[in-house]
Structures are given as structure tokens and as C-alpha cells.
Amino acid sequence: MGSKAPSWADQWGTGGFGVDEEDDKLVTKNASSSGGNKITEVKAAASAGFDKAKSAAAVGAQKVKAGTSAGIKWVKKQYQKKGSS
């Protein structure tokens, strides 16, 4: 299983990828040259996506709660039918 790909430690540990000062300078340069508009747009899109995900999760949780409640009631009803016979 001799893989030539770098290990996890090589990528994320000390001295791995992304530690070079040149990489940091490049990221800083790109962020400053693109202006604040891009960041504002990304934040707005992320916020809208978060709101959609939050509402979808709330609806899903309500469905799970209702389904669980109905399932428990059904089991109780089946148990009572067997017990009374």
C-alpha cells in the first residue's frame, strides 16, 4: 500500500502545506485586491443559505417529532389490543 500521496500529518502538521510565507502573502494580496464587495456578497449568500438550512431543519424536526408521536401511539394501541384479548 505504498502511496506516494502526502500523509495527513504532512498536509496539516507543522511544516506542511500552507505554512510557507509566500502562500500567506498570496492569500492576503488576493483578499485585499478583490475589495470588500466580494466578501459582502459571500456573507450575504452564506446567510441566506444558513436561513434556508435552518428552516428546513426546523420543518424536518417537526416531522420527526410528529412521526415518532404517531408511532408510539400506534405501538401503545397494539399493545392494549393484545392485553385486553
Protein backbone atom coordinates (compact mmCIF):
# COMPACT_ATOMS: atom_id res chain seq x y z
CA MET A 1 0.00 0.00 0.00
CA GLY A 2 2.84 2.36 -0.77
CA SER A 3 1.01 5.57 -1.57
CA LYS A 4 3.02 8.50 -2.88
CA ALA A 5 0.42 10.99 -1.64
CA PRO A 6 1.39 13.05 1.39
CA SER A 7 0.05 11.83 4.69
CA TRP A 8 -2.41 13.75 6.82
CA ALA A 9 0.38 14.88 9.11
CA ASP A 10 2.38 16.17 6.14
CA GLN A 11 -0.57 18.23 4.96
CA TRP A 12 -1.82 19.63 8.25
CA GLY A 13 1.05 19.28 10.69
CA THR A 14 3.85 21.74 11.28
CA GLY A 15 5.85 22.39 8.18
CA GLY A 16 3.16 21.00 5.87
CA PHE A 17 1.32 22.64 3.02
CA GLY A 18 0.13 26.19 3.60
CA VAL A 19 2.87 27.09 6.06
CA ASP A 20 5.04 28.97 3.59
CA GLU A 21 5.10 32.73 3.96
CA GLU A 22 4.60 33.07 0.22
CA ASP A 23 1.24 31.32 0.47
CA ASP A 24 0.12 33.68 3.22
CA LYS A 25 1.22 36.72 1.20
CA LEU A 26 -0.68 35.45 -1.84
CA VAL A 27 -3.87 34.96 0.15
CA THR A 28 -3.56 38.39 1.76
CA LYS A 29 -2.86 40.05 -1.58
CA ASN A 30 -5.86 38.40 -3.25
CA ALA A 31 -8.18 39.28 -0.37
CA SER A 32 -7.13 42.94 -0.32
CA SER A 33 -7.20 43.41 -4.09
CA SER A 34 -10.67 41.92 -4.56
CA GLY A 35 -12.21 44.54 -2.30
CA GLY A 36 -14.89 44.30 0.35
CA ASN A 37 -17.74 43.79 -2.13
CA LYS A 38 -16.83 40.18 -2.74
CA ILE A 39 -16.72 39.43 0.98
CA THR A 40 -20.07 41.15 1.50
CA GLU A 41 -21.62 39.11 -1.32
CA VAL A 42 -20.26 35.87 0.09
CA LYS A 43 -21.52 36.70 3.59
CA ALA A 44 -24.97 37.54 2.23
CA ALA A 45 -25.13 34.29 0.26
CA ALA A 46 -23.95 32.29 3.26
CA SER A 47 -26.52 33.98 5.48
CA ALA A 48 -29.31 33.20 3.04
CA GLY A 49 -28.14 29.61 2.79
CA PHE A 50 -27.98 29.33 6.56
CA ASP A 51 -31.53 30.66 6.91
CA LYS A 52 -32.80 28.13 4.38
CA ALA A 53 -30.98 25.28 6.10
CA LYS A 54 -32.26 26.38 9.50
CA SER A 55 -35.88 26.46 8.34
CA ALA A 56 -35.52 23.11 6.57
CA ALA A 57 -34.06 21.59 9.73
CA ALA A 58 -36.93 23.00 11.81
CA VAL A 59 -39.52 21.53 9.45
CA GLY A 60 -37.68 18.21 9.45
CA ALA A 61 -37.55 18.16 13.24
CA GLN A 62 -41.30 18.80 13.42
CA LYS A 63 -41.94 15.92 11.01
CA VAL A 64 -39.73 13.59 13.04
CA LYS A 65 -41.49 14.60 16.24
CA ALA A 66 -44.94 14.05 14.73
CA GLY A 67 -43.92 10.71 13.22
CA THR A 68 -42.41 9.50 16.48
CA SER A 69 -45.52 10.52 18.41
CA ALA A 70 -47.78 8.70 15.94
CA GLY A 71 -45.55 5.62 16.07
CA ILE A 72 -45.58 5.49 19.86
CA LYS A 73 -49.37 5.87 19.91
CA TRP A 74 -49.68 3.02 17.38
CA VAL A 75 -47.46 0.74 19.49
CA LYS A 76 -49.47 1.54 22.62
CA LYS A 77 -52.71 0.82 20.77
CA GLN A 78 -51.37 -2.53 19.50
CA TYR A 79 -50.19 -3.47 22.98
CA GLN A 80 -53.56 -2.59 24.52
CA LYS A 81 -55.36 -4.72 21.90
CA LYS A 82 -53.20 -7.74 22.78
CA GLY A 83 -53.53 -7.17 26.52
CA SER A 84 -57.33 -6.91 26.52
CA SER A 85 -57.93 -10.04 24.37
